[in-house]
Amino acid sequence: MQSAERKKLLEQFQNQMHAVINQGEAEMEKMRDSEEKLQGMSELEESHVEQYSAVHSELRKEMAILQKKILMDIQQQEMMNVRKQLKTLLP
């Protein structure tokens, strides 16, 4: 009779251990999934930072070009004004 009880207790213990091991494996799988998601988010953030830097650099270049164009237009306008004034002064 004791051996039947021992066998039953051993079986219960084994079942509990299997349940604990299965739960641990499930938790490990969840942790791996979370790590993969976190890695993906980190890579996405890095990509966004690189894109932002590239766009910011391009905007600076375009602004510099526009600034030069505006300055050239102003200079041309001033030259035209000077010529007009000279024409009115010289017969």
N, C-alpha and C. Protein backbone atom coordinates (compact mmCIF):
# COMPACT_ATOMS: atom_id res chain seq x y z
N MET A 1 0.81 -1.19 0.00
CA MET A 1 0.00 0.00 0.00
C MET A 1 0.86 1.26 0.00
N GLN A 2 1.94 1.20 0.75
CA GLN A 2 2.82 2.36 0.77
C GLN A 2 3.44 2.61 -0.59
N SER A 3 3.74 1.54 -1.29
CA SER A 3 4.34 1.73 -2.61
C SER A 3 3.35 2.37 -3.57
N ALA A 4 2.08 2.07 -3.44
CA ALA A 4 1.06 2.70 -4.29
C ALA A 4 0.97 4.18 -3.97
N GLU A 5 1.04 4.54 -2.68
CA GLU A 5 1.01 5.95 -2.29
C GLU A 5 2.25 6.68 -2.79
N ARG A 6 3.40 6.01 -2.64
CA ARG A 6 4.64 6.61 -3.14
C ARG A 6 4.56 6.85 -4.64
N LYS A 7 4.05 5.85 -5.32
CA LYS A 7 3.92 5.97 -6.78
C LYS A 7 3.00 7.13 -7.14
N LYS A 8 1.90 7.25 -6.41
CA LYS A 8 0.95 8.34 -6.67
C LYS A 8 1.60 9.69 -6.37
N LEU A 9 2.31 9.79 -5.24
CA LEU A 9 2.99 11.03 -4.88
C LEU A 9 4.06 11.38 -5.91
N LEU A 10 4.80 10.37 -6.34
CA LEU A 10 5.84 10.60 -7.34
C LEU A 10 5.22 11.09 -8.64
N GLU A 11 4.11 10.51 -9.02
CA GLU A 11 3.42 10.93 -10.24
C GLU A 11 2.92 12.37 -10.12
N GLN A 12 2.37 12.71 -8.95
CA GLN A 12 1.91 14.09 -8.72
C GLN A 12 3.09 15.06 -8.79
N PHE A 13 4.19 14.67 -8.16
CA PHE A 13 5.39 15.52 -8.18
C PHE A 13 5.89 15.72 -9.61
N GLN A 14 5.94 14.65 -10.37
CA GLN A 14 6.38 14.74 -11.77
C GLN A 14 5.46 15.64 -12.57
N ASN A 15 4.16 15.52 -12.37
CA ASN A 15 3.20 16.37 -13.07
C ASN A 15 3.42 17.84 -12.71
N GLN A 16 3.63 18.10 -11.42
CA GLN A 16 3.89 19.47 -10.98
C GLN A 16 5.18 20.02 -11.60
N MET A 17 6.20 19.18 -11.64
CA MET A 17 7.48 19.60 -12.23
C MET A 17 7.33 19.89 -13.72
N HIS A 18 6.59 19.05 -14.41
CA HIS A 18 6.33 19.28 -15.84
C HIS A 18 5.60 20.60 -16.04
N ALA A 19 4.63 20.86 -15.16
CA ALA A 19 3.88 22.12 -15.26
C ALA A 19 4.80 23.32 -15.03
N VAL A 20 5.68 23.21 -14.04
CA VAL A 20 6.62 24.30 -13.75
C VAL A 20 7.58 24.49 -14.92
N ILE A 21 8.09 23.41 -15.46
CA ILE A 21 9.02 23.49 -16.60
C ILE A 21 8.32 24.10 -17.81
N ASN A 22 7.10 23.65 -18.08
CA ASN A 22 6.35 24.20 -19.22
C ASN A 22 6.08 25.69 -19.03
N GLN A 23 5.75 26.08 -17.80
CA GLN A 23 5.50 27.49 -17.53
C GLN A 23 6.80 28.29 -17.71
N GLY A 24 7.91 27.74 -17.26
CA GLY A 24 9.20 28.41 -17.43
C GLY A 24 9.55 28.57 -18.90
N GLU A 25 9.30 27.53 -19.68
CA GLU A 25 9.57 27.61 -21.12
C GLU A 25 8.68 28.66 -21.79
N ALA A 26 7.42 28.72 -21.36
CA ALA A 26 6.50 29.72 -21.93
C ALA A 26 6.98 31.13 -21.57
N GLU A 27 7.44 31.31 -20.34
CA GLU A 27 7.95 32.63 -19.93
C GLU A 27 9.21 32.99 -20.71
N MET A 28 10.06 32.02 -20.95
CA MET A 28 11.28 32.27 -21.74
C MET A 28 10.91 32.68 -23.16
N GLU A 29 9.91 32.04 -23.72
CA GLU A 29 9.46 32.38 -25.08
C GLU A 29 8.91 33.80 -25.12
N LYS A 30 8.12 34.16 -24.09
CA LYS A 30 7.60 35.53 -24.01
C LYS A 30 8.75 36.53 -23.91
N MET A 31 9.75 36.17 -23.12
CA MET A 31 10.90 37.07 -22.94
C MET A 31 11.65 37.23 -24.26
N ARG A 32 11.83 36.15 -25.00
CA ARG A 32 12.50 36.24 -26.31
C ARG A 32 11.70 37.13 -27.26
N ASP A 33 10.38 36.94 -27.26
CA ASP A 33 9.53 37.78 -28.12
C ASP A 33 9.66 39.25 -27.74
N SER A 34 9.66 39.52 -26.44
CA SER A 34 9.80 40.90 -25.97
C SER A 34 11.15 41.48 -26.38
N GLU A 35 12.20 40.69 -26.27
CA GLU A 35 13.53 41.14 -26.68
C GLU A 35 13.57 41.45 -28.17
N GLU A 36 12.94 40.60 -28.97
CA GLU A 36 12.90 40.84 -30.42
C GLU A 36 12.14 42.12 -30.74
N LYS A 37 11.02 42.33 -30.06
CA LYS A 37 10.25 43.56 -30.28
C LYS A 37 11.05 44.78 -29.87
N LEU A 38 11.72 44.69 -28.74
CA LEU A 38 12.54 45.80 -28.26
C LEU A 38 13.67 46.09 -29.23
N GLN A 39 14.30 45.04 -29.75
CA GLN A 39 15.37 45.22 -30.74
C GLN A 39 14.83 45.89 -31.99
N GLY A 40 13.65 45.45 -32.43
CA GLY A 40 13.03 46.06 -33.61
C GLY A 40 12.72 47.53 -33.39
N MET A 41 12.23 47.85 -32.20
CA MET A 41 11.92 49.25 -31.89
C MET A 41 13.19 50.08 -31.84
N SER A 42 14.25 49.51 -31.30
CA SER A 42 15.53 50.21 -31.22
C SER A 42 16.07 50.49 -32.62
N GLU A 43 15.97 49.50 -33.50
CA GLU A 43 16.43 49.68 -34.88
C GLU A 43 15.57 50.72 -35.61
N LEU A 44 14.27 50.71 -35.34
CA LEU A 44 13.38 51.69 -35.96
C LEU A 44 13.71 53.10 -35.48
N GLU A 45 13.98 53.23 -34.19
CA GLU A 45 14.36 54.55 -33.65
C GLU A 45 15.66 55.04 -34.29
N GLU A 46 16.62 54.14 -34.41
CA GLU A 46 17.90 54.50 -35.03
C GLU A 46 17.69 54.94 -36.48
N SER A 47 16.82 54.24 -37.18
CA SER A 47 16.51 54.60 -38.56
C SER A 47 15.87 55.97 -38.63
N HIS A 48 14.96 56.26 -37.71
CA HIS A 48 14.30 57.56 -37.68
C HIS A 48 15.30 58.68 -37.39
N VAL A 49 16.24 58.42 -36.49
CA VAL A 49 17.26 59.43 -36.18
C VAL A 49 18.11 59.70 -37.42
N GLU A 50 18.48 58.65 -38.13
CA GLU A 50 19.27 58.83 -39.36
C GLU A 50 18.49 59.61 -40.41
N GLN A 51 17.21 59.27 -40.57
CA GLN A 51 16.37 59.98 -41.54
C GLN A 51 16.22 61.45 -41.15
N TYR A 52 16.01 61.71 -39.86
CA TYR A 52 15.88 63.08 -39.39
C TYR A 52 17.15 63.86 -39.69
N SER A 53 18.30 63.25 -39.41
CA SER A 53 19.58 63.92 -39.66
C SER A 53 19.74 64.23 -41.14
N ALA A 54 19.39 63.28 -41.99
CA ALA A 54 19.52 63.49 -43.43
C ALA A 54 18.60 64.61 -43.90
N VAL A 55 17.36 64.60 -43.44
CA VAL A 55 16.40 65.64 -43.83
C VAL A 55 16.84 67.00 -43.31
N HIS A 56 17.31 67.03 -42.07
CA HIS A 56 17.77 68.28 -41.48
C HIS A 56 18.95 68.84 -42.27
N SER A 57 19.87 67.99 -42.64
CA SER A 57 21.03 68.41 -43.44
C SER A 57 20.58 68.95 -44.79
N GLU A 58 19.66 68.26 -45.43
CA GLU A 58 19.15 68.69 -46.73
C GLU A 58 18.44 70.04 -46.61
N LEU A 59 17.68 70.22 -45.56
CA LEU A 59 17.00 71.50 -45.34
C LEU A 59 18.00 72.64 -45.16
N ARG A 60 19.06 72.38 -44.41
CA ARG A 60 20.09 73.41 -44.22
C ARG A 60 20.71 73.80 -45.56
N LYS A 61 20.99 72.81 -46.40
CA LYS A 61 21.56 73.10 -47.72
C LYS A 61 20.60 73.94 -48.55
N GLU A 62 19.33 73.54 -48.56
CA GLU A 62 18.33 74.28 -49.33
C GLU A 62 18.17 75.70 -48.81
N MET A 63 18.20 75.86 -47.50
CA MET A 63 18.08 77.20 -46.92
C MET A 63 19.28 78.07 -47.30
N ALA A 64 20.47 77.48 -47.32
CA ALA A 64 21.66 78.23 -47.71
C ALA A 64 21.56 78.67 -49.17
N ILE A 65 21.08 77.78 -50.03
CA ILE A 65 20.90 78.12 -51.45
C ILE A 65 19.88 79.24 -51.60
N LEU A 66 18.76 79.13 -50.90
CA LEU A 66 17.74 80.17 -50.97
C LEU A 66 18.26 81.51 -50.45
N GLN A 67 19.03 81.45 -49.39
CA GLN A 67 19.60 82.68 -48.83
C GLN A 67 20.52 83.34 -49.86
N LYS A 68 21.34 82.55 -50.54
CA LYS A 68 22.22 83.11 -51.57
C LYS A 68 21.40 83.73 -52.70
N LYS A 69 20.35 83.04 -53.12
CA LYS A 69 19.50 83.57 -54.19
C LYS A 69 18.86 84.89 -53.77
N ILE A 70 18.37 84.94 -52.55
CA ILE A 70 17.75 86.18 -52.07
C ILE A 70 18.77 87.31 -52.05
N LEU A 71 19.97 87.02 -51.56
CA LEU A 71 21.02 88.05 -51.53
C LEU A 71 21.37 88.52 -52.93
N MET A 72 21.45 87.58 -53.87
CA MET A 72 21.76 87.96 -55.26
C MET A 72 20.64 88.82 -55.84
N ASP A 73 19.39 88.45 -55.56
CA ASP A 73 18.26 89.25 -56.05
C ASP A 73 18.29 90.66 -55.46
N ILE A 74 18.60 90.76 -54.19
CA ILE A 74 18.69 92.07 -53.55
C ILE A 74 19.81 92.90 -54.18
N GLN A 75 20.95 92.26 -54.41
CA GLN A 75 22.07 92.97 -55.03
C GLN A 75 21.70 93.44 -56.44
N GLN A 76 21.04 92.59 -57.20
CA GLN A 76 20.63 92.98 -58.55
C GLN A 76 19.65 94.15 -58.50
N GLN A 77 18.73 94.08 -57.56
CA GLN A 77 17.75 95.17 -57.41
C GLN A 77 18.46 96.47 -57.04
N GLU A 78 19.42 96.38 -56.15
CA GLU A 78 20.17 97.58 -55.76
C GLU A 78 20.97 98.12 -56.94
N MET A 79 21.56 97.23 -57.72
CA MET A 79 22.32 97.67 -58.90
C MET A 79 21.39 98.36 -59.90
N MET A 80 20.21 97.82 -60.08
CA MET A 80 19.25 98.44 -61.00
C MET A 80 18.86 99.83 -60.49
N ASN A 81 18.67 99.95 -59.20
CA ASN A 81 18.34 101.25 -58.62
C ASN A 81 19.48 102.25 -58.81
N VAL A 82 20.71 101.80 -58.61
CA VAL A 82 21.87 102.68 -58.80
C VAL A 82 21.96 103.10 -60.26
N ARG A 83 21.76 102.19 -61.18
CA ARG A 83 21.81 102.53 -62.61
C ARG A 83 20.73 103.55 -62.98
N LYS A 84 19.53 103.34 -62.45
CA LYS A 84 18.44 104.28 -62.72
C LYS A 84 18.80 105.67 -62.20
N GLN A 85 19.36 105.70 -61.01
CA GLN A 85 19.73 106.99 -60.45
C GLN A 85 20.85 107.65 -61.26
N LEU A 86 21.80 106.83 -61.70
CA LEU A 86 22.90 107.38 -62.51
C LEU A 86 22.37 107.90 -63.84
N LYS A 87 21.44 107.20 -64.43
CA LYS A 87 20.86 107.64 -65.71
C LYS A 87 20.13 108.97 -65.54
N THR A 88 19.48 109.13 -64.41
CA THR A 88 18.78 110.41 -64.19
C THR A 88 19.76 111.53 -63.91
N LEU A 89 20.92 111.21 -63.35
CA LEU A 89 21.91 112.25 -63.05
C LEU A 89 22.72 112.62 -64.28
N LEU A 90 23.00 111.64 -65.11
CA LEU A 90 23.81 111.90 -66.32
C LEU A 90 22.87 112.12 -67.50
N PRO A 91 23.12 113.21 -68.23
CA PRO A 91 22.23 113.46 -69.37
C PRO A 91 22.50 112.57 -70.56
